[in-house]
Protein backbone atom coordinates (compact mmCIF):
# COMPACT_ATOMS: atom_id res chain seq x y z
CA MET A 1 -102.12 -16.38 -34.97
CA GLU A 2 -104.79 -16.64 -37.70
CA LEU A 3 -107.46 -15.46 -35.23
CA ILE A 4 -105.41 -12.08 -34.72
CA LYS A 5 -104.92 -11.84 -38.53
CA LYS A 6 -108.78 -12.08 -39.07
CA ILE A 7 -109.55 -9.54 -36.44
CA LYS A 8 -106.90 -7.21 -38.09
CA ASP A 9 -108.38 -7.78 -41.44
CA THR A 10 -111.94 -7.16 -40.04
CA GLU A 11 -110.76 -3.87 -38.27
CA LYS A 12 -109.10 -2.82 -41.62
CA GLN A 13 -112.51 -3.46 -43.51
CA ALA A 14 -114.45 -1.40 -40.90
CA GLU A 15 -111.93 1.35 -41.09
CA ASP A 16 -112.53 1.28 -45.02
CA ILE A 17 -116.05 0.98 -44.45
CA ILE A 18 -115.92 4.18 -42.16
CA GLU A 19 -113.79 6.09 -44.50
CA GLN A 20 -116.20 5.34 -47.51
CA ALA A 21 -119.06 6.09 -45.40
CA ARG A 22 -117.58 9.45 -44.49
CA ALA A 23 -116.67 10.32 -48.16
CA ASP A 24 -120.12 9.47 -49.33
CA ALA A 25 -121.48 11.83 -46.79
CA ARG A 26 -119.19 14.58 -47.88
CA GLY A 27 -120.41 13.95 -51.36
CA GLN A 28 -124.13 14.11 -50.35
CA GLU A 29 -123.42 17.22 -48.32
CA GLU A 30 -121.80 18.84 -51.32
CA GLU A 31 -124.31 18.08 -53.57
CA ALA A 32 -127.20 19.26 -51.15
CA GLY A 33 -125.26 22.43 -50.93
CA LYS A 34 -125.41 22.75 -54.80
CA LYS A 35 -128.99 22.08 -54.75
CA ARG A 36 -129.45 24.60 -52.13
CA GLN A 37 -127.51 27.34 -54.00
CA ASP A 38 -129.49 26.53 -57.14
CA ILE A 39 -132.64 26.98 -55.36
CA LEU A 40 -131.72 30.15 -53.82
CA GLU A 41 -130.54 31.44 -57.17
CA ASP A 42 -133.90 30.41 -58.99
CA ALA A 43 -135.43 32.08 -56.33
CA GLU A 44 -133.65 35.43 -56.70
CA LYS A 45 -134.17 35.23 -60.43
CA LYS A 46 -137.89 34.90 -60.02
CA ARG A 47 -137.84 37.70 -57.46
CA LYS A 48 -136.11 40.18 -59.85
CA GLN A 49 -138.28 39.11 -62.59
CA GLN A 50 -141.45 39.91 -60.51
CA ILE A 51 -140.07 43.34 -59.65
CA GLN A 52 -139.36 44.21 -63.31
CA GLN A 53 -142.80 43.00 -63.98
CA ALA A 54 -144.25 45.28 -61.24
CA GLU A 55 -142.28 48.14 -62.36
CA ALA A 56 -143.16 47.79 -66.01
CA LYS A 57 -146.78 47.51 -64.82
CA ALA A 58 -146.50 50.53 -62.71
CA GLU A 59 -144.76 52.79 -65.46
CA GLN A 60 -147.57 51.83 -67.82
CA GLN A 61 -150.25 52.63 -65.34
CA ALA A 62 -148.37 56.03 -64.78
CA ASN A 63 -148.02 57.09 -68.28
CA GLU A 64 -151.75 55.89 -68.96
CA GLU A 65 -152.74 58.31 -65.99
CA ILE A 66 -150.45 61.04 -67.17
CA GLN A 67 -152.15 61.01 -70.60
CA MET A 68 -155.60 61.04 -69.06
CA LEU A 69 -154.47 64.09 -66.86
CA LYS A 70 -153.02 65.93 -69.94
CA GLN A 71 -156.45 65.26 -71.79
CA GLN A 72 -158.23 66.57 -68.81
CA ALA A 73 -156.16 69.63 -68.25
CA GLU A 74 -156.32 70.39 -71.96
CA GLY A 75 -160.21 70.02 -71.81
CA ASP A 76 -160.21 72.38 -68.71
CA ILE A 77 -158.13 75.02 -70.35
CA GLU A 78 -160.22 75.00 -73.47
CA GLU A 79 -163.32 75.36 -71.27
CA LEU A 80 -161.63 78.33 -69.43
CA HIS A 81 -160.77 79.95 -72.44
CA LYS A 82 -164.29 79.57 -73.85
CA ARG A 83 -166.04 80.97 -70.69
CA THR A 84 -163.47 83.92 -70.32
CA GLU A 85 -163.42 84.85 -73.99
CA SER A 86 -166.91 86.51 -73.97
CA LYS A 87 -166.05 88.27 -70.72
CA MET A 88 -162.74 89.48 -72.59
CA ASN A 89 -164.54 90.94 -75.16
CA GLU A 90 -166.98 92.81 -72.99
CA ALA A 91 -164.08 94.00 -70.89
CA VAL A 92 -162.18 95.34 -73.92
CA LYS A 93 -165.31 97.16 -75.17
CA LYS A 94 -165.83 98.59 -72.01
CA VAL A 95 -162.30 99.88 -71.94
CA MET A 96 -162.58 101.27 -75.49
CA ASP A 97 -165.86 102.94 -74.72
CA TYR A 98 -164.20 104.49 -71.72
CA LEU A 99 -161.28 105.63 -73.68
CA LYS A 100 -163.66 107.10 -76.62
CA GLY A 101 -165.49 109.02 -74.28
């Protein structure tokens, strides 16, 4: 009789150990899931930061290029005015001479 009681007690202890092991495994699984989620969130934040930095850098470069092109265009316009001014004066003089007679 006592042997049966010891066997039942041992079975109960084994069941308790198994249940505790399952609970521990669930806890570890939840913790691993949280860590995995944290890693994914951190990676997403870093990715967004890198995108924002790349966009800001591209915008700055585009603005610098726009300014350079504007200055170049202004210089080209000024040069064109200088080259055409004497020709315009000559053309006006010829028209006035023709009209006079």
